[in-house]
Amino acid sequence: MNYNRTGWAADGIETAAFASTLSPLYGDQLEGLPFDKDRSAYPFRFLARALTGSKNVRAGRLVAIHQGSVGSCVGCMGSRVADITAACDIYQRRERETWPRNKATTRPIISSPEYCYAAARQITSSLGRWDGATGSGMARAFQEIGTAHQRPHGQDLDLSRYSAQRARTWARRGVPDEVLEAAREHPFRATCRVTTAEHAVALLQNGYGVGVCSGLAWSDRRDRDGFARRVRPGWSHAMAVIGYHVTDRGRRGFIFQNSWGADWIDGPVPVTDFPEGSFLCDWDDAAVALSSGDCWAYGGYKGFAISPFDWKGGLGW
């Protein structure tokens, strides 16, 4: 069952304007980043490790966010991609940071999808307008504001659980000041536009998630290898690319995690800890999706440091 097929609001003018502000340094680094098309990469495992003991991991599998009846897919995608990169900062790049926790429960937490969605709209002056957001708006919000997490913010505002109603309300009215204040402590100081499958492989193998916004759609049934078939008509939709898998027969695919919960798709999975609500996307289909111009990776995350922040490693981000 497809719960919500909308949520990406394509805006070529806004996206191009934001892309023009980015330092060419990061694009140059991405072009020169080594990759191996025949090597699988599973950065989602670092996030599952960071979230162990929380509601976000079930039976060893990373739980899918469920956006509900609001077009908040860009926010759900942004939350997942941001957290993949943050987890890789700790476990792959070995930065001296801690994972955020809810002080009341002591359990690890994720970035708030409602915040991400509303911030992506607020930064582009889109509050109160159409239902949805742009991928460039999400990237810009992470860079110019930061990211807030699923925890209490003040006495009367608890983001510990995702709320579609809250996402809808904030998309009209904006993010509360106390949440914006918390988000400003944790920006992503570098952003890179991703336009090819080769870019995506390089990023995934080096510990970065990728956010894909496109008009493509896929079947709700995985084949024997775990791949979903591209179908028509398309979706105006955003999803997180959280891994890369090469089968024994050399079939290459990107692991897309959707934001419609665990039950929207079924069928065989390629690895036992395959994240809920996910599927493999064939290389050629991924290349088309990534060519939309509104696909992004975030870096230079100012996380929850336990020592002075170290800028070394990775892409120089």
Protein backbone atom coordinates (compact mmCIF):
# COMPACT_ATOMS: atom_id res chain seq x y z
CA MET A 1 0.00 0.00 0.00
CA ASN A 2 1.36 3.44 -0.92
CA TYR A 3 0.55 5.82 1.90
CA ASN A 4 1.61 9.10 0.39
CA ARG A 5 2.97 9.68 -3.10
CA THR A 6 3.61 13.39 -2.74
CA GLY A 7 5.93 15.63 -0.81
CA TRP A 8 8.74 16.72 -3.12
CA ALA A 9 8.01 20.16 -4.53
CA ALA A 10 10.40 20.55 -7.46
CA ASP A 11 11.67 24.10 -7.91
CA GLY A 12 14.45 24.36 -10.46
CA ILE A 13 15.03 28.08 -9.90
CA GLU A 14 15.42 27.78 -6.12
CA THR A 15 17.60 24.68 -6.45
CA ALA A 16 19.91 26.29 -9.00
CA ALA A 17 20.18 29.44 -6.89
CA PHE A 18 21.23 27.47 -3.81
CA ALA A 19 23.67 25.31 -5.79
CA SER A 20 25.33 28.49 -7.10
CA THR A 21 26.21 29.53 -3.54
CA LEU A 22 28.12 26.35 -2.71
CA SER A 23 31.89 26.22 -2.62
CA PRO A 24 33.27 24.39 -5.67
CA LEU A 25 35.77 22.76 -3.31
CA TYR A 26 33.30 20.12 -2.21
CA GLY A 27 32.24 19.28 -5.74
CA ASP A 28 35.87 18.92 -6.74
CA GLN A 29 36.51 16.63 -3.78
CA LEU A 30 33.50 14.52 -4.69
CA GLU A 31 34.70 14.15 -8.28
CA GLY A 32 38.07 12.91 -6.99
CA LEU A 33 36.72 10.59 -4.32
CA PRO A 34 37.71 6.95 -4.99
CA PHE A 35 35.01 4.30 -5.35
CA ASP A 36 34.60 0.69 -6.44
CA LYS A 37 31.44 -0.21 -8.33
CA ASP A 38 31.84 -3.85 -7.30
CA ARG A 39 32.12 -3.31 -3.52
CA SER A 40 29.01 -3.25 -1.34
CA ALA A 41 28.70 -0.55 1.32
CA TYR A 42 26.27 -0.53 4.24
CA PRO A 43 26.54 2.79 6.12
CA PHE A 44 23.06 2.15 7.54
CA ARG A 45 24.72 -0.36 9.88
CA PHE A 46 26.59 2.44 11.63
CA LEU A 47 23.29 4.22 12.27
CA ALA A 48 21.69 1.01 13.55
CA ARG A 49 24.66 0.65 15.88
CA ALA A 50 24.24 4.20 17.16
CA LEU A 51 20.52 3.65 17.74
CA THR A 52 20.76 0.22 19.40
CA GLY A 53 18.45 0.03 22.40
CA SER A 54 15.98 2.55 21.00
CA LYS A 55 12.64 2.25 19.21
CA ASN A 56 14.47 2.98 15.96
CA VAL A 57 16.00 -0.52 15.73
CA ARG A 58 13.83 -3.62 15.75
CA ALA A 59 15.26 -7.15 15.68
CA GLY A 60 18.54 -5.71 14.45
CA ARG A 61 16.92 -3.81 11.58
CA LEU A 62 16.75 -0.06 11.17
CA VAL A 63 13.12 0.99 11.49
CA ALA A 64 11.55 3.07 8.71
CA ILE A 65 10.03 6.44 9.48
CA HIS A 66 6.32 6.68 8.63
CA GLN A 67 5.42 10.14 7.35
CA GLY A 68 1.66 9.55 7.59
CA SER A 69 -0.83 11.66 5.64
CA VAL A 70 1.34 14.77 5.30
CA GLY A 71 3.82 15.36 2.48
CA SER A 72 6.84 15.42 4.79
CA CYS A 73 8.98 12.96 2.82
CA VAL A 74 11.76 15.52 2.38
CA GLY A 75 11.96 15.91 6.16
CA CYS A 76 11.97 12.14 6.71
CA MET A 77 14.66 11.76 4.07
CA GLY A 78 16.69 14.59 5.57
CA SER A 79 16.50 13.08 9.04
CA ARG A 80 17.74 9.71 7.83
CA VAL A 81 20.55 11.04 5.62
CA ALA A 82 21.76 13.44 8.32
CA ASP A 83 21.83 10.66 10.89
CA ILE A 84 23.67 8.25 8.57
CA THR A 85 26.43 10.83 8.15
CA ALA A 86 26.53 11.61 11.87
CA ALA A 87 26.83 7.92 12.75
CA CYS A 88 29.62 7.46 10.22
CA ASP A 89 31.41 10.44 11.76
CA ILE A 90 31.63 8.45 14.98
CA TYR A 91 32.08 4.84 13.85
CA GLN A 92 33.76 5.17 10.45
CA ARG A 93 35.67 8.46 10.63
CA ARG A 94 36.37 7.97 14.36
CA GLU A 95 35.54 11.52 15.36
CA ARG A 96 35.40 12.10 19.10
CA GLU A 97 31.71 12.74 19.42
CA THR A 98 28.81 11.23 21.30
CA TRP A 99 25.42 10.23 19.96
CA PRO A 100 22.47 12.39 21.12
CA ARG A 101 20.18 10.89 23.73
CA ASN A 102 16.86 11.74 25.27
CA LYS A 103 17.80 12.81 28.80
CA ALA A 104 14.49 11.55 30.17
CA THR A 105 14.86 8.02 28.79
CA THR A 106 18.68 7.91 28.21
CA ARG A 107 17.97 6.23 24.85
CA PRO A 108 19.58 7.30 21.56
CA ILE A 109 17.45 9.49 19.31
CA ILE A 110 17.16 10.54 15.67
CA SER A 111 16.84 13.94 14.04
CA SER A 112 13.25 15.16 14.18
CA PRO A 113 11.50 14.63 10.81
CA GLU A 114 8.93 17.34 11.64
CA TYR A 115 11.68 19.84 12.31
CA CYS A 116 13.51 18.86 9.12
CA TYR A 117 10.37 19.23 7.01
CA ALA A 118 9.30 22.57 8.47
CA ALA A 119 12.84 23.98 8.41
CA ALA A 120 13.18 23.08 4.72
CA ARG A 121 10.01 25.08 4.06
CA GLN A 122 10.82 27.96 6.38
CA ILE A 123 14.27 28.60 4.93
CA THR A 124 12.73 28.93 1.45
CA SER A 125 9.83 31.17 2.58
CA SER A 126 7.30 28.44 1.73
CA LEU A 127 5.31 28.36 4.97
CA GLY A 128 1.57 28.07 4.53
CA ARG A 129 1.80 27.24 0.85
CA TRP A 130 1.77 23.85 -0.92
CA ASP A 131 2.26 20.54 0.90
CA GLY A 132 5.87 19.48 0.42
CA ALA A 133 9.44 20.80 0.28
CA THR A 134 12.51 20.85 -1.94
CA GLY A 135 15.67 18.84 -1.44
CA SER A 136 17.69 22.05 -1.77
CA GLY A 137 15.56 23.59 0.99
CA MET A 138 16.51 20.69 3.25
CA ALA A 139 20.19 21.04 2.42
CA ARG A 140 20.06 24.79 2.94
CA ALA A 141 18.28 24.44 6.30
CA PHE A 142 20.91 22.00 7.57
CA GLN A 143 23.68 24.36 6.48
CA GLU A 144 22.20 27.70 7.56
CA ILE A 145 20.37 26.53 10.70
CA GLY A 146 21.23 22.96 11.71
CA THR A 147 19.31 19.92 12.92
CA ALA A 148 17.15 19.33 15.97
CA HIS A 149 16.46 15.95 17.57
CA GLN A 150 13.61 13.88 18.98
CA ARG A 151 13.71 15.04 22.58
CA PRO A 152 11.88 17.50 24.85
CA HIS A 153 12.52 21.14 23.98
CA GLY A 154 11.44 23.18 26.97
CA GLN A 155 8.67 22.16 29.34
CA ASP A 156 5.77 21.95 26.90
CA LEU A 157 7.27 20.69 23.65
CA ASP A 158 8.28 17.05 23.39
CA LEU A 159 9.46 15.77 20.01
CA SER A 160 10.20 12.26 21.25
CA ARG A 161 7.67 10.79 18.80
CA TYR A 162 7.00 11.82 15.24
CA SER A 163 3.67 13.58 14.73
CA ALA A 164 2.18 14.10 11.27
CA GLN A 165 -0.09 16.78 12.74
CA ARG A 166 2.90 18.65 14.16
CA ALA A 167 4.65 18.41 10.80
CA ARG A 168 1.56 19.85 9.11
CA THR A 169 1.20 22.67 11.65
CA TRP A 170 4.85 23.68 11.58
CA ALA A 171 4.81 23.59 7.77
CA ARG A 172 2.17 26.35 7.97
CA ARG A 173 3.45 28.37 10.94
CA GLY A 174 7.18 27.68 11.18
CA VAL A 175 9.51 26.02 13.68
CA PRO A 176 9.23 27.20 17.31
CA ASP A 177 12.09 29.40 18.48
CA GLU A 178 13.31 26.97 21.14
CA VAL A 179 13.72 24.22 18.53
CA LEU A 180 15.53 26.56 16.15
CA GLU A 181 17.87 27.52 18.97
CA ALA A 182 18.72 23.89 19.61
CA ALA A 183 19.20 23.21 15.89
CA ARG A 184 21.72 26.03 15.53
CA GLU A 185 24.10 24.09 17.76
CA HIS A 186 24.38 21.32 15.14
CA PRO A 187 24.74 22.55 11.55
CA PHE A 188 26.16 20.74 8.54
CA ARG A 189 28.81 23.17 7.34
CA ALA A 190 29.26 21.71 3.88
CA THR A 191 26.80 20.60 1.22
CA CYS A 192 27.31 18.86 -2.09
CA ARG A 193 24.90 18.27 -4.95
CA VAL A 194 24.86 14.64 -6.13
CA THR A 195 24.08 14.12 -9.81
CA THR A 196 25.39 10.67 -10.80
CA ALA A 197 25.34 7.08 -9.59
CA GLU A 198 29.13 7.22 -9.39
CA HIS A 199 28.85 10.15 -6.95
CA ALA A 200 26.41 8.17 -4.82
CA VAL A 201 28.65 5.08 -4.66
CA ALA A 202 31.64 7.19 -3.65
CA LEU A 203 29.68 8.91 -0.89
CA LEU A 204 28.16 5.71 0.48
CA GLN A 205 31.50 3.91 0.54
CA ASN A 206 33.02 6.85 2.39
CA GLY A 207 30.30 7.13 5.01
CA TYR A 208 27.75 9.65 3.76
CA GLY A 209 24.06 9.17 3.08
CA VAL A 210 22.43 10.62 -0.02
CA GLY A 211 19.04 12.29 -0.30
CA VAL A 212 17.22 11.65 -3.58
CA CYS A 213 14.28 13.73 -4.79
CA SER A 214 12.77 12.58 -8.07
CA GLY A 215 9.65 11.80 -10.04
CA LEU A 216 10.34 8.06 -10.29
CA ALA A 217 8.28 5.32 -8.63
CA TRP A 218 8.82 1.68 -7.69
CA SER A 219 6.80 -1.49 -7.16
CA ASP A 220 5.71 -2.53 -3.67
CA ARG A 221 7.23 -6.00 -4.18
CA ARG A 222 10.95 -6.89 -4.14
CA ASP A 223 12.23 -9.57 -6.50
CA ARG A 224 14.39 -12.53 -5.45
CA ASP A 225 17.48 -10.29 -5.19
CA GLY A 226 15.71 -7.57 -3.22
CA PHE A 227 15.21 -5.16 -6.13
CA ALA A 228 11.97 -3.26 -6.75
CA ARG A 229 10.84 -2.67 -10.30
CA ARG A 230 10.37 0.87 -11.58
CA VAL A 231 6.71 1.59 -12.31
CA ARG A 232 4.58 4.37 -13.82
CA PRO A 233 3.08 6.84 -13.11
CA GLY A 234 5.79 8.36 -10.96
CA TRP A 235 5.89 9.88 -7.48
CA SER A 236 6.97 13.41 -6.56
CA HIS A 237 8.90 11.97 -3.69
CA ALA A 238 12.08 12.01 -1.60
CA MET A 239 13.90 8.98 -0.21
CA ALA A 240 17.15 8.28 1.61
CA VAL A 241 19.90 6.26 -0.07
CA ILE A 242 21.51 4.42 2.83
CA GLY A 243 23.63 1.68 1.22
CA TYR A 244 24.94 -0.01 -1.89
CA HIS A 245 24.71 -3.74 -2.63
CA VAL A 246 26.32 -5.95 -5.28
CA THR A 247 24.85 -9.43 -5.67
CA ASP A 248 26.87 -12.60 -6.21
CA ARG A 249 25.98 -12.35 -9.89
CA GLY A 250 27.29 -8.78 -10.11
CA ARG A 251 23.94 -6.98 -10.13
CA ARG A 252 24.45 -3.52 -8.62
CA GLY A 253 21.83 -1.69 -6.60
CA PHE A 254 21.34 1.22 -4.24
CA ILE A 255 19.45 0.73 -0.99
CA PHE A 256 16.58 3.22 -0.90
CA GLN A 257 14.68 3.58 2.38
CA ASN A 258 11.16 4.95 2.01
CA SER A 259 9.20 6.93 4.60
CA TRP A 260 5.96 4.93 4.46
CA GLY A 261 6.73 2.57 7.34
CA ALA A 262 7.69 -1.10 7.16
CA ASP A 263 4.63 -2.60 5.46
CA TRP A 264 4.36 -0.71 2.19
CA ILE A 265 6.68 -3.26 0.50
CA ASP A 266 7.46 -6.94 0.90
CA GLY A 267 9.54 -9.66 -0.70
CA PRO A 268 13.04 -11.14 -0.26
CA VAL A 269 15.87 -9.07 1.20
CA PRO A 270 19.56 -9.32 0.21
CA VAL A 271 20.99 -9.20 3.77
CA THR A 272 19.41 -10.24 7.07
CA ASP A 273 19.61 -6.76 8.62
CA PHE A 274 18.11 -5.04 5.56
CA PRO A 275 16.38 -1.90 6.90
CA GLU A 276 12.60 -1.87 7.12
CA GLY A 277 10.66 -0.25 4.28
CA SER A 278 13.67 -0.48 1.93
CA PHE A 279 14.39 -1.88 -1.51
CA LEU A 280 17.25 -2.16 -3.97
CA CYS A 281 17.13 0.20 -6.93
CA ASP A 282 18.95 -0.85 -10.11
CA TRP A 283 21.95 1.23 -11.15
CA ASP A 284 20.31 2.65 -14.28
CA ASP A 285 17.13 3.71 -12.45
CA ALA A 286 19.19 5.30 -9.67
CA ALA A 287 21.16 7.22 -12.30
CA VAL A 288 17.92 8.66 -13.67
CA ALA A 289 16.66 9.61 -10.21
CA LEU A 290 19.96 11.27 -9.31
CA SER A 291 19.88 13.33 -12.50
CA SER A 292 16.89 15.34 -11.18
CA GLY A 293 19.27 18.04 -9.93
CA ASP A 294 17.77 18.09 -6.42
CA CYS A 295 19.78 15.33 -4.72
CA TRP A 296 22.21 16.17 -1.91
CA ALA A 297 24.76 14.99 0.63
CA TYR A 298 25.62 16.85 3.81
CA GLY A 299 28.99 17.03 5.57
CA GLY A 300 31.02 18.91 8.14
CA TYR A 301 28.52 18.06 10.87
CA LYS A 302 28.98 19.83 14.17
CA GLY A 303 27.90 16.98 16.40
CA PHE A 304 27.81 16.35 20.13
CA ALA A 305 31.52 16.60 20.79
CA ILE A 306 33.38 15.12 23.77
CA SER A 307 36.54 16.95 22.76
CA PRO A 308 37.30 19.95 20.51
CA PHE A 309 35.77 19.25 17.09
CA ASP A 310 38.24 17.71 14.67
CA TRP A 311 37.82 18.74 11.03
CA LYS A 312 40.24 16.16 9.65
CA GLY A 313 39.27 13.11 7.60
CA GLY A 314 36.58 12.21 5.11
CA LEU A 315 36.06 14.63 2.26
CA GLY A 316 37.63 17.50 4.13
CA TRP A 317 34.09 18.24 5.32
